[in-house]
Amino acid sequence: MTDATQQAKPPSKTSDTRLTSMNLELVVIPVSDVDRSRTFYESLGWRLDIDHATGDDYRIVQFTPAGSEGSVMFGQNITTAAPGSAQGMHLVVSDVLAARDDLVRRGVKVSDPFHDVGGIFHHSNGKGIAKGPNPERKSYASYVTFEDPDGNAWTLQEVTARLPGSLRDTSFTTQLHDAVWGSAK
């Protein structure tokens, strides 16, 4: 059996229900000008991990946001995606207003703060977003956005108290949901 066949074959059922640990550590973002992007991400105060070129047609640059275990990589000939096509990337911050102020001081064009009127679990309610941070500064509810020079879109999301796992987690309760988000009524 080849490696490809083994990979395509569904895993056998066992009594062991532990999941394999998988850490999201790197996101590749498509850019048109590597030097311009390097300057931009340096201006954010992110740590430069690597800038490596092999000849004139291959280069990788990797940055890690302050406090993050995940990094971003861009470069020359590392992705076929169109520059600026990375959308919806979220960075979690403990204070969205302070983070916004920091980006503005660094010369980044940042949106005004906004919040989701219905909460992330209620996007289908048609209520949309409202100006300013969430009035109660509820976790997972306040945002600002910015873009890199190519239009790759970033969202800063304020998280001050984390929900305990997935919605399938039996420890997730309506009471906790209401404490973080408020009642859906």
N, C-alpha and C. Protein backbone atom coordinates (compact mmCIF):
# COMPACT_ATOMS: atom_id res chain seq x y z
N MET A 1 0.85 -1.17 0.00
CA MET A 1 0.00 0.00 0.00
C MET A 1 0.90 1.24 0.00
N THR A 2 0.64 2.17 -0.90
CA THR A 2 1.46 3.37 -0.99
C THR A 2 1.07 4.36 0.09
N ASP A 3 1.94 5.34 0.31
CA ASP A 3 1.64 6.39 1.30
C ASP A 3 0.36 7.12 0.92
N ALA A 4 0.17 7.39 -0.37
CA ALA A 4 -1.03 8.11 -0.83
C ALA A 4 -2.28 7.28 -0.54
N THR A 5 -2.20 5.96 -0.74
CA THR A 5 -3.34 5.10 -0.46
C THR A 5 -3.63 5.09 1.04
N GLN A 6 -2.59 5.01 1.85
CA GLN A 6 -2.77 5.02 3.29
C GLN A 6 -3.42 6.33 3.75
N GLN A 7 -3.01 7.45 3.14
CA GLN A 7 -3.57 8.74 3.53
C GLN A 7 -5.03 8.86 3.14
N ALA A 8 -5.42 8.25 2.02
CA ALA A 8 -6.79 8.34 1.55
C ALA A 8 -7.72 7.41 2.30
N LYS A 9 -7.18 6.35 2.89
CA LYS A 9 -7.98 5.38 3.61
C LYS A 9 -8.45 5.99 4.93
N PRO A 10 -9.76 5.88 5.24
CA PRO A 10 -10.24 6.44 6.51
C PRO A 10 -9.58 5.74 7.69
N PRO A 11 -9.37 6.49 8.78
CA PRO A 11 -8.74 5.86 9.94
C PRO A 11 -9.62 4.76 10.51
N SER A 12 -8.99 3.73 11.04
CA SER A 12 -9.76 2.65 11.65
C SER A 12 -10.33 3.13 12.97
N LYS A 13 -11.48 2.58 13.31
CA LYS A 13 -12.12 2.96 14.58
C LYS A 13 -11.41 2.23 15.71
N THR A 14 -11.10 3.00 16.73
CA THR A 14 -10.47 2.42 17.91
C THR A 14 -11.20 2.94 19.14
N SER A 15 -10.87 2.38 20.26
CA SER A 15 -11.48 2.86 21.49
C SER A 15 -10.81 4.15 21.96
N ASP A 16 -9.71 4.52 21.36
CA ASP A 16 -8.99 5.74 21.73
C ASP A 16 -9.64 6.93 21.02
N THR A 17 -10.26 7.82 21.78
CA THR A 17 -10.96 8.95 21.19
C THR A 17 -10.15 10.24 21.27
N ARG A 18 -8.90 10.17 21.68
CA ARG A 18 -8.07 11.37 21.74
C ARG A 18 -7.83 11.90 20.33
N LEU A 19 -7.78 13.20 20.24
CA LEU A 19 -7.51 13.83 18.96
C LEU A 19 -6.03 14.13 18.84
N THR A 20 -5.54 14.11 17.63
CA THR A 20 -4.17 14.50 17.38
C THR A 20 -4.07 16.01 17.54
N SER A 21 -3.12 16.46 18.29
CA SER A 21 -2.91 17.90 18.48
C SER A 21 -2.47 18.52 17.16
N MET A 22 -3.16 19.57 16.76
CA MET A 22 -2.82 20.29 15.53
C MET A 22 -2.81 21.77 15.85
N ASN A 23 -1.67 22.40 15.67
CA ASN A 23 -1.53 23.81 15.97
C ASN A 23 -1.45 24.60 14.67
N LEU A 24 -2.32 25.59 14.53
CA LEU A 24 -2.23 26.47 13.38
C LEU A 24 -1.10 27.45 13.66
N GLU A 25 -0.02 27.33 12.92
CA GLU A 25 1.16 28.13 13.21
C GLU A 25 1.59 29.02 12.07
N LEU A 26 1.06 28.83 10.87
CA LEU A 26 1.53 29.63 9.75
C LEU A 26 0.43 29.83 8.73
N VAL A 27 0.25 31.07 8.32
CA VAL A 27 -0.69 31.41 7.26
C VAL A 27 0.11 32.12 6.17
N VAL A 28 -0.03 31.64 4.94
CA VAL A 28 0.64 32.27 3.81
C VAL A 28 -0.28 33.34 3.23
N ILE A 29 0.26 34.53 3.07
CA ILE A 29 -0.53 35.62 2.49
C ILE A 29 0.12 36.06 1.18
N PRO A 30 -0.69 36.28 0.16
CA PRO A 30 -0.15 36.65 -1.15
C PRO A 30 0.08 38.16 -1.24
N VAL A 31 1.27 38.54 -1.69
CA VAL A 31 1.62 39.95 -1.83
C VAL A 31 2.25 40.20 -3.20
N SER A 32 2.20 41.45 -3.63
CA SER A 32 2.77 41.80 -4.93
C SER A 32 4.19 42.34 -4.83
N ASP A 33 4.54 42.94 -3.70
CA ASP A 33 5.85 43.56 -3.52
C ASP A 33 6.38 43.14 -2.15
N VAL A 34 7.33 42.22 -2.15
CA VAL A 34 7.82 41.63 -0.90
C VAL A 34 8.45 42.68 0.00
N ASP A 35 9.25 43.57 -0.55
CA ASP A 35 9.91 44.59 0.28
C ASP A 35 8.90 45.54 0.90
N ARG A 36 7.91 45.97 0.13
CA ARG A 36 6.88 46.85 0.65
C ARG A 36 6.11 46.16 1.78
N SER A 37 5.79 44.88 1.60
CA SER A 37 5.08 44.13 2.64
C SER A 37 5.94 43.94 3.88
N ARG A 38 7.22 43.68 3.67
CA ARG A 38 8.12 43.54 4.82
C ARG A 38 8.14 44.84 5.62
N THR A 39 8.24 45.96 4.96
CA THR A 39 8.23 47.26 5.64
C THR A 39 6.93 47.45 6.42
N PHE A 40 5.80 47.08 5.81
CA PHE A 40 4.51 47.23 6.48
C PHE A 40 4.44 46.39 7.74
N TYR A 41 4.75 45.09 7.65
CA TYR A 41 4.62 44.22 8.81
C TYR A 41 5.66 44.56 9.88
N GLU A 42 6.82 45.06 9.49
CA GLU A 42 7.78 45.57 10.48
C GLU A 42 7.19 46.77 11.21
N SER A 43 6.46 47.62 10.47
CA SER A 43 5.87 48.81 11.09
C SER A 43 4.82 48.46 12.14
N LEU A 44 4.25 47.26 12.05
CA LEU A 44 3.28 46.81 13.05
C LEU A 44 3.96 46.40 14.36
N GLY A 45 5.27 46.27 14.31
CA GLY A 45 6.00 45.82 15.49
C GLY A 45 6.09 44.30 15.59
N TRP A 46 5.75 43.62 14.50
CA TRP A 46 5.80 42.16 14.51
C TRP A 46 7.25 41.71 14.40
N ARG A 47 7.54 40.54 14.97
CA ARG A 47 8.90 39.99 14.96
C ARG A 47 9.23 39.37 13.60
N LEU A 48 10.35 39.79 13.02
CA LEU A 48 10.83 39.17 11.79
C LEU A 48 11.50 37.85 12.16
N ASP A 49 10.98 36.75 11.64
CA ASP A 49 11.53 35.43 11.92
C ASP A 49 12.55 35.01 10.87
N ILE A 50 12.24 35.33 9.61
CA ILE A 50 13.13 34.92 8.52
C ILE A 50 12.90 35.79 7.30
N ASP A 51 13.97 36.05 6.60
CA ASP A 51 13.92 36.65 5.26
C ASP A 51 15.00 35.93 4.48
N HIS A 52 14.57 34.99 3.66
CA HIS A 52 15.51 34.11 2.96
C HIS A 52 15.18 34.07 1.47
N ALA A 53 16.22 34.25 0.67
CA ALA A 53 16.06 34.18 -0.79
C ALA A 53 17.01 33.13 -1.35
N THR A 54 16.53 32.48 -2.40
CA THR A 54 17.35 31.55 -3.16
C THR A 54 17.31 32.02 -4.60
N GLY A 55 18.35 32.65 -5.03
CA GLY A 55 18.37 33.20 -6.38
C GLY A 55 17.47 34.42 -6.48
N ASP A 56 17.11 34.75 -7.74
CA ASP A 56 16.29 35.94 -7.99
C ASP A 56 14.80 35.64 -8.03
N ASP A 57 14.41 34.36 -7.96
CA ASP A 57 12.99 34.04 -8.16
C ASP A 57 12.31 33.34 -6.99
N TYR A 58 12.96 33.30 -5.83
CA TYR A 58 12.32 32.68 -4.67
C TYR A 58 12.76 33.41 -3.41
N ARG A 59 11.76 33.80 -2.61
CA ARG A 59 12.06 34.49 -1.34
C ARG A 59 10.91 34.23 -0.37
N ILE A 60 11.24 33.96 0.88
CA ILE A 60 10.23 33.83 1.93
C ILE A 60 10.56 34.82 3.04
N VAL A 61 9.50 35.44 3.55
CA VAL A 61 9.61 36.35 4.68
C VAL A 61 8.54 35.91 5.67
N GLN A 62 8.93 35.76 6.93
CA GLN A 62 7.98 35.32 7.95
C GLN A 62 8.02 36.27 9.14
N PHE A 63 6.82 36.67 9.59
CA PHE A 63 6.66 37.54 10.75
C PHE A 63 5.71 36.89 11.75
N THR A 64 5.94 37.20 13.03
CA THR A 64 5.06 36.73 14.09
C THR A 64 4.54 37.94 14.86
N PRO A 65 3.20 38.08 14.95
CA PRO A 65 2.63 39.18 15.75
C PRO A 65 3.05 39.04 17.22
N ALA A 66 3.19 40.17 17.90
CA ALA A 66 3.56 40.17 19.31
C ALA A 66 2.59 39.30 20.11
N GLY A 67 3.14 38.39 20.91
CA GLY A 67 2.34 37.53 21.76
C GLY A 67 1.71 36.33 21.08
N SER A 68 1.93 36.17 19.79
CA SER A 68 1.28 35.09 19.04
C SER A 68 2.19 33.88 18.91
N GLU A 69 1.58 32.71 18.80
CA GLU A 69 2.32 31.50 18.48
C GLU A 69 2.21 31.19 17.00
N GLY A 70 1.34 31.91 16.30
CA GLY A 70 1.18 31.72 14.86
C GLY A 70 1.86 32.85 14.10
N SER A 71 2.28 32.54 12.90
CA SER A 71 3.01 33.50 12.08
C SER A 71 2.37 33.66 10.71
N VAL A 72 2.81 34.67 9.99
CA VAL A 72 2.42 34.85 8.60
C VAL A 72 3.68 34.78 7.74
N MET A 73 3.50 34.27 6.55
CA MET A 73 4.60 34.17 5.60
C MET A 73 4.14 34.74 4.27
N PHE A 74 5.02 35.44 3.61
CA PHE A 74 4.77 35.92 2.26
C PHE A 74 6.10 35.89 1.53
N GLY A 75 6.05 36.12 0.26
CA GLY A 75 7.31 36.13 -0.48
C GLY A 75 7.09 36.08 -1.97
N GLN A 76 8.10 35.63 -2.64
CA GLN A 76 8.09 35.52 -4.08
C GLN A 76 8.05 34.05 -4.46
N ASN A 77 7.07 33.69 -5.28
CA ASN A 77 6.89 32.31 -5.77
C ASN A 77 6.65 31.31 -4.65
N ILE A 78 5.83 31.71 -3.66
CA ILE A 78 5.46 30.75 -2.61
C ILE A 78 3.97 30.45 -2.62
N THR A 79 3.20 31.19 -3.40
CA THR A 79 1.77 30.92 -3.53
C THR A 79 1.30 31.40 -4.89
N THR A 80 0.27 30.74 -5.40
CA THR A 80 -0.32 31.18 -6.67
C THR A 80 -1.54 32.06 -6.44
N ALA A 81 -1.91 32.28 -5.18
CA ALA A 81 -3.06 33.13 -4.87
C ALA A 81 -2.78 34.58 -5.30
N ALA A 82 -3.82 35.28 -5.66
CA ALA A 82 -3.70 36.67 -6.09
C ALA A 82 -3.36 37.58 -4.91
N PRO A 83 -2.43 38.51 -5.09
CA PRO A 83 -2.12 39.46 -4.01
C PRO A 83 -3.40 40.13 -3.51
N GLY A 84 -3.52 40.21 -2.20
CA GLY A 84 -4.68 40.84 -1.59
C GLY A 84 -5.88 39.93 -1.41
N SER A 85 -5.76 38.66 -1.78
CA SER A 85 -6.92 37.76 -1.70
C SER A 85 -7.11 37.11 -0.34
N ALA A 86 -6.18 37.30 0.59
CA ALA A 86 -6.36 36.75 1.94
C ALA A 86 -7.31 37.67 2.70
N GLN A 87 -8.46 37.13 3.07
CA GLN A 87 -9.50 37.91 3.73
C GLN A 87 -9.94 37.21 5.00
N GLY A 88 -10.44 37.99 5.96
CA GLY A 88 -11.03 37.41 7.16
C GLY A 88 -10.05 36.87 8.17
N MET A 89 -8.80 37.28 8.11
CA MET A 89 -7.83 36.81 9.11
C MET A 89 -8.06 37.60 10.40
N HIS A 90 -8.17 36.89 11.51
CA HIS A 90 -8.46 37.52 12.80
C HIS A 90 -7.25 37.46 13.73
N LEU A 91 -7.02 38.57 14.39
CA LEU A 91 -6.04 38.65 15.47
C LEU A 91 -6.83 38.96 16.73
N VAL A 92 -6.59 38.21 17.78
CA VAL A 92 -7.31 38.42 19.03
C VAL A 92 -6.51 39.37 19.91
N VAL A 93 -7.22 40.35 20.47
CA VAL A 93 -6.61 41.33 21.37
C VAL A 93 -7.46 41.44 22.63
N SER A 94 -6.84 41.85 23.73
CA SER A 94 -7.60 41.98 24.98
C SER A 94 -8.30 43.33 25.09
N ASP A 95 -7.84 44.33 24.33
CA ASP A 95 -8.46 45.66 24.35
C ASP A 95 -8.42 46.22 22.94
N VAL A 96 -9.55 46.15 22.25
CA VAL A 96 -9.60 46.54 20.84
C VAL A 96 -9.32 48.03 20.66
N LEU A 97 -9.72 48.86 21.61
CA LEU A 97 -9.47 50.30 21.48
C LEU A 97 -7.99 50.63 21.64
N ALA A 98 -7.32 49.99 22.61
CA ALA A 98 -5.88 50.20 22.78
C ALA A 98 -5.11 49.68 21.58
N ALA A 99 -5.51 48.52 21.06
CA ALA A 99 -4.85 47.96 19.88
C ALA A 99 -5.04 48.87 18.67
N ARG A 100 -6.24 49.42 18.51
CA ARG A 100 -6.50 50.35 17.42
C ARG A 100 -5.61 51.58 17.55
N ASP A 101 -5.54 52.13 18.76
CA ASP A 101 -4.69 53.31 18.99
C ASP A 101 -3.24 53.02 18.63
N ASP A 102 -2.76 51.82 18.99
CA ASP A 102 -1.38 51.45 18.67
C ASP A 102 -1.17 51.41 17.16
N LEU A 103 -2.11 50.82 16.43
CA LEU A 103 -1.98 50.76 14.97
C LEU A 103 -2.01 52.16 14.35
N VAL A 104 -2.88 53.02 14.84
CA VAL A 104 -2.96 54.39 14.33
C VAL A 104 -1.64 55.10 14.57
N ARG A 105 -1.04 54.94 15.77
CA ARG A 105 0.27 55.55 16.07
C ARG A 105 1.34 55.06 15.11
N ARG A 106 1.18 53.85 14.62
CA ARG A 106 2.16 53.26 13.69
C ARG A 106 1.88 53.65 12.24
N GLY A 107 0.85 54.46 12.03
CA GLY A 107 0.55 54.94 10.69
C GLY A 107 -0.34 54.04 9.86
N VAL A 108 -1.00 53.08 10.50
CA VAL A 108 -1.86 52.14 9.78
C VAL A 108 -3.27 52.73 9.71
N LYS A 109 -3.88 52.64 8.53
CA LYS A 109 -5.27 53.06 8.37
C LYS A 109 -6.16 51.95 8.95
N VAL A 110 -6.90 52.29 10.01
CA VAL A 110 -7.70 51.32 10.74
C VAL A 110 -9.15 51.79 10.75
N SER A 111 -10.08 50.85 10.66
CA SER A 111 -11.50 51.20 10.73
C SER A 111 -11.85 51.74 12.10
N ASP A 112 -12.99 52.39 12.17
CA ASP A 112 -13.55 52.74 13.47
C ASP A 112 -14.00 51.45 14.14
N PRO A 113 -14.04 51.42 15.47
CA PRO A 113 -14.54 50.22 16.16
C PRO A 113 -15.99 49.95 15.79
N PHE A 114 -16.36 48.68 15.77
CA PHE A 114 -17.75 48.28 15.53
C PHE A 114 -18.04 47.01 16.29
N HIS A 115 -19.31 46.70 16.42
CA HIS A 115 -19.69 45.47 17.10
C HIS A 115 -20.85 44.81 16.37
N ASP A 116 -20.95 43.52 16.55
CA ASP A 116 -21.99 42.71 15.95
C ASP A 116 -23.21 42.79 16.86
N VAL A 117 -24.28 43.32 16.35
CA VAL A 117 -25.48 43.52 17.16
C VAL A 117 -26.05 42.20 17.67
N GLY A 118 -26.00 41.16 16.84
CA GLY A 118 -26.61 39.89 17.24
C GLY A 118 -25.66 38.90 17.85
N GLY A 119 -24.39 39.10 17.75
CA GLY A 119 -23.42 38.14 18.26
C GLY A 119 -23.06 37.12 17.19
N ILE A 120 -21.90 36.52 17.32
CA ILE A 120 -21.38 35.60 16.31
C ILE A 120 -22.30 34.40 16.09
N PHE A 121 -23.05 34.01 17.10
CA PHE A 121 -23.94 32.87 16.96
C PHE A 121 -25.27 33.26 16.32
N HIS A 122 -25.46 34.53 16.03
CA HIS A 122 -26.74 35.01 15.52
C HIS A 122 -26.58 35.83 14.25
N HIS A 123 -25.58 35.52 13.43
CA HIS A 123 -25.35 36.31 12.21
C HIS A 123 -26.54 36.29 11.26
N SER A 124 -27.36 35.27 11.32
CA SER A 124 -28.47 35.17 10.39
C SER A 124 -29.67 36.02 10.80
N ASN A 125 -29.55 36.75 11.90
CA ASN A 125 -30.70 37.51 12.37
C ASN A 125 -30.91 38.81 11.60
N GLY A 126 -29.97 39.18 10.75
CA GLY A 126 -30.13 40.37 9.93
C GLY A 126 -29.91 41.67 10.65
N LYS A 127 -29.47 41.63 11.91
CA LYS A 127 -29.27 42.87 12.66
C LYS A 127 -27.99 43.59 12.26
N GLY A 128 -27.00 42.88 11.75
CA GLY A 128 -25.78 43.51 11.27
C GLY A 128 -24.87 44.03 12.36
N ILE A 129 -24.17 45.13 12.02
CA ILE A 129 -23.19 45.68 12.93
C ILE A 129 -23.59 47.10 13.33
N ALA A 130 -23.00 47.55 14.42
CA ALA A 130 -23.26 48.91 14.91
C ALA A 130 -21.92 49.59 15.19
N LYS A 131 -21.91 50.92 15.13
CA LYS A 131 -20.70 51.69 15.38
C LYS A 131 -20.28 51.57 16.84
N GLY A 132 -18.97 51.65 17.05
CA GLY A 132 -18.41 51.62 18.39
C GLY A 132 -18.20 50.20 18.90
N PRO A 133 -17.42 50.07 19.97
CA PRO A 133 -17.25 48.74 20.57
C PRO A 133 -18.56 48.30 21.19
N ASN A 134 -18.67 47.04 21.49
CA ASN A 134 -19.85 46.53 22.18
C ASN A 134 -20.05 47.36 23.45
N PRO A 135 -21.25 47.89 23.66
CA PRO A 135 -21.48 48.78 24.81
C PRO A 135 -21.12 48.16 26.16
N GLU A 136 -21.23 46.85 26.26
CA GLU A 136 -20.89 46.17 27.51
C GLU A 136 -19.49 45.56 27.45
N ARG A 137 -18.80 45.80 26.34
CA ARG A 137 -17.45 45.26 26.09
C ARG A 137 -17.42 43.75 26.29
N LYS A 138 -18.47 43.08 25.80
CA LYS A 138 -18.55 41.63 25.89
C LYS A 138 -17.47 41.01 25.04
N SER A 139 -16.96 39.91 25.48
CA SER A 139 -15.93 39.17 24.77
C SER A 139 -16.47 38.69 23.43
N TYR A 140 -15.62 38.66 22.43
CA TYR A 140 -15.92 38.21 21.07
C TYR A 140 -16.86 39.16 20.33
N ALA A 141 -17.06 40.38 20.80
CA ALA A 141 -18.11 41.21 20.22
C ALA A 141 -17.65 42.55 19.66
N SER A 142 -16.39 42.96 19.85
CA SER A 142 -15.92 44.25 19.35
C SER A 142 -14.76 44.04 18.38
N TYR A 143 -14.75 44.87 17.32
CA TYR A 143 -13.80 44.66 16.23
C TYR A 143 -13.28 45.97 15.66
N VAL A 144 -12.12 45.90 15.01
CA VAL A 144 -11.64 46.91 14.07
C VAL A 144 -10.97 46.14 12.94
N THR A 145 -10.86 46.76 11.79
CA THR A 145 -10.24 46.10 10.65
C THR A 145 -9.16 46.98 10.04
N PHE A 146 -8.22 46.34 9.37
CA PHE A 146 -7.21 47.05 8.59
C PHE A 146 -6.74 46.14 7.47
N GLU A 147 -6.03 46.72 6.53
CA GLU A 147 -5.50 45.96 5.39
C GLU A 147 -4.02 46.24 5.22
N ASP A 148 -3.32 45.26 4.67
CA ASP A 148 -1.93 45.50 4.31
C ASP A 148 -1.91 46.22 2.96
N PRO A 149 -0.74 46.59 2.44
CA PRO A 149 -0.70 47.37 1.19
C PRO A 149 -1.35 46.70 -0.02
N ASP A 150 -1.48 45.38 0.00
CA ASP A 150 -2.12 44.67 -1.12
C ASP A 150 -3.61 44.47 -0.93
N GLY A 151 -4.12 44.77 0.26
CA GLY A 151 -5.54 44.57 0.52
C GLY A 151 -5.86 43.28 1.25
N ASN A 152 -4.84 42.55 1.73
CA ASN A 152 -5.10 41.40 2.59
C ASN A 152 -5.74 41.95 3.86
N ALA A 153 -6.91 41.41 4.23
CA ALA A 153 -7.73 42.00 5.28
C ALA A 153 -7.57 41.32 6.63
N TRP A 154 -7.33 42.13 7.63
CA TRP A 154 -7.17 41.69 9.01
C TRP A 154 -8.30 42.25 9.87
N THR A 155 -8.74 41.48 10.84
CA THR A 155 -9.72 41.91 11.82
C THR A 155 -9.12 41.72 13.20
N LEU A 156 -9.18 42.76 14.02
CA LEU A 156 -8.83 42.63 15.43
C LEU A 156 -10.13 42.36 16.17
N GLN A 157 -10.17 41.30 16.94
CA GLN A 157 -11.35 40.91 17.70
C GLN A 157 -11.00 40.94 19.18
N GLU A 158 -11.81 41.65 19.96
CA GLU A 158 -11.56 41.73 21.39
C GLU A 158 -12.10 40.49 22.10
N VAL A 159 -11.20 39.80 22.81
CA VAL A 159 -11.57 38.62 23.59
C VAL A 159 -10.98 38.80 24.98
N THR A 160 -11.86 38.89 25.97
CA THR A 160 -11.41 39.05 27.35
C THR A 160 -11.71 37.82 28.20
N ALA A 161 -12.66 37.01 27.77
CA ALA A 161 -13.00 35.75 28.45
C ALA A 161 -13.32 34.73 27.37
N ARG A 162 -12.63 33.61 27.39
CA ARG A 162 -12.83 32.60 26.36
C ARG A 162 -13.96 31.65 26.71
N LEU A 163 -14.70 31.26 25.67
CA LEU A 163 -15.72 30.22 25.84
C LEU A 163 -14.99 28.88 25.97
N PRO A 164 -15.55 27.93 26.70
CA PRO A 164 -14.85 26.68 26.99
C PRO A 164 -14.99 25.62 25.90
N GLY A 165 -14.32 25.78 24.80
CA GLY A 165 -14.34 24.75 23.77
C GLY A 165 -15.43 24.95 22.76
N SER A 166 -15.70 23.90 22.03
CA SER A 166 -16.66 23.99 20.93
C SER A 166 -18.09 23.91 21.43
N LEU A 167 -19.01 24.19 20.52
CA LEU A 167 -20.42 24.10 20.86
C LEU A 167 -20.85 22.67 21.16
N ARG A 168 -20.06 21.70 20.71
CA ARG A 168 -20.36 20.29 21.03
C ARG A 168 -19.92 19.94 22.44
N ASP A 169 -19.10 20.79 23.04
CA ASP A 169 -18.60 20.57 24.38
C ASP A 169 -19.77 20.64 25.35
N THR A 170 -19.97 19.59 26.13
CA THR A 170 -21.12 19.55 27.03
C THR A 170 -20.99 20.55 28.17
N SER A 171 -19.80 21.13 28.37
CA SER A 171 -19.66 22.13 29.43
C SER A 171 -20.13 23.50 28.97
N PHE A 172 -20.41 23.63 27.66
CA PHE A 172 -20.92 24.91 27.15
C PHE A 172 -22.37 25.04 27.61
N THR A 173 -22.67 26.10 28.31
CA THR A 173 -24.01 26.26 28.84
C THR A 173 -24.64 27.55 28.37
N THR A 174 -25.93 27.58 28.37
CA THR A 174 -26.65 28.80 28.04
C THR A 174 -26.28 29.90 29.01
N GLN A 175 -26.10 29.55 30.27
CA GLN A 175 -25.75 30.55 31.27
C GLN A 175 -24.43 31.23 30.92
N LEU A 176 -23.42 30.46 30.53
CA LEU A 176 -22.14 31.05 30.16
C LEU A 176 -22.30 31.87 28.90
N HIS A 177 -23.01 31.34 27.92
CA HIS A 177 -23.24 32.08 26.69
C HIS A 177 -23.86 33.44 27.00
N ASP A 178 -24.89 33.44 27.84
CA ASP A 178 -25.57 34.68 28.19
C ASP A 178 -24.65 35.62 28.97
N ALA A 179 -23.73 35.06 29.80
CA ALA A 179 -22.81 35.90 30.56
C ALA A 179 -21.83 36.61 29.61
N VAL A 180 -21.41 35.91 28.56
CA VAL A 180 -20.45 36.49 27.62
C VAL A 180 -21.16 37.36 26.60
N TRP A 181 -22.27 36.87 26.03
CA TRP A 181 -22.94 37.53 24.91
C TRP A 181 -24.19 38.30 25.30
N GLY A 182 -24.78 37.94 26.40
CA GLY A 182 -26.09 38.50 26.75
C GLY A 182 -27.15 37.58 26.21
N SER A 183 -28.31 37.70 26.72
CA SER A 183 -29.41 36.85 26.30
C SER A 183 -29.77 37.12 24.85
N ALA A 184 -30.08 36.09 24.11
CA ALA A 184 -30.45 36.22 22.70
C ALA A 184 -31.90 36.70 22.55
N LYS A 185 -32.59 36.85 23.63
CA LYS A 185 -34.02 37.25 23.59
C LYS A 185 -34.17 38.69 23.24
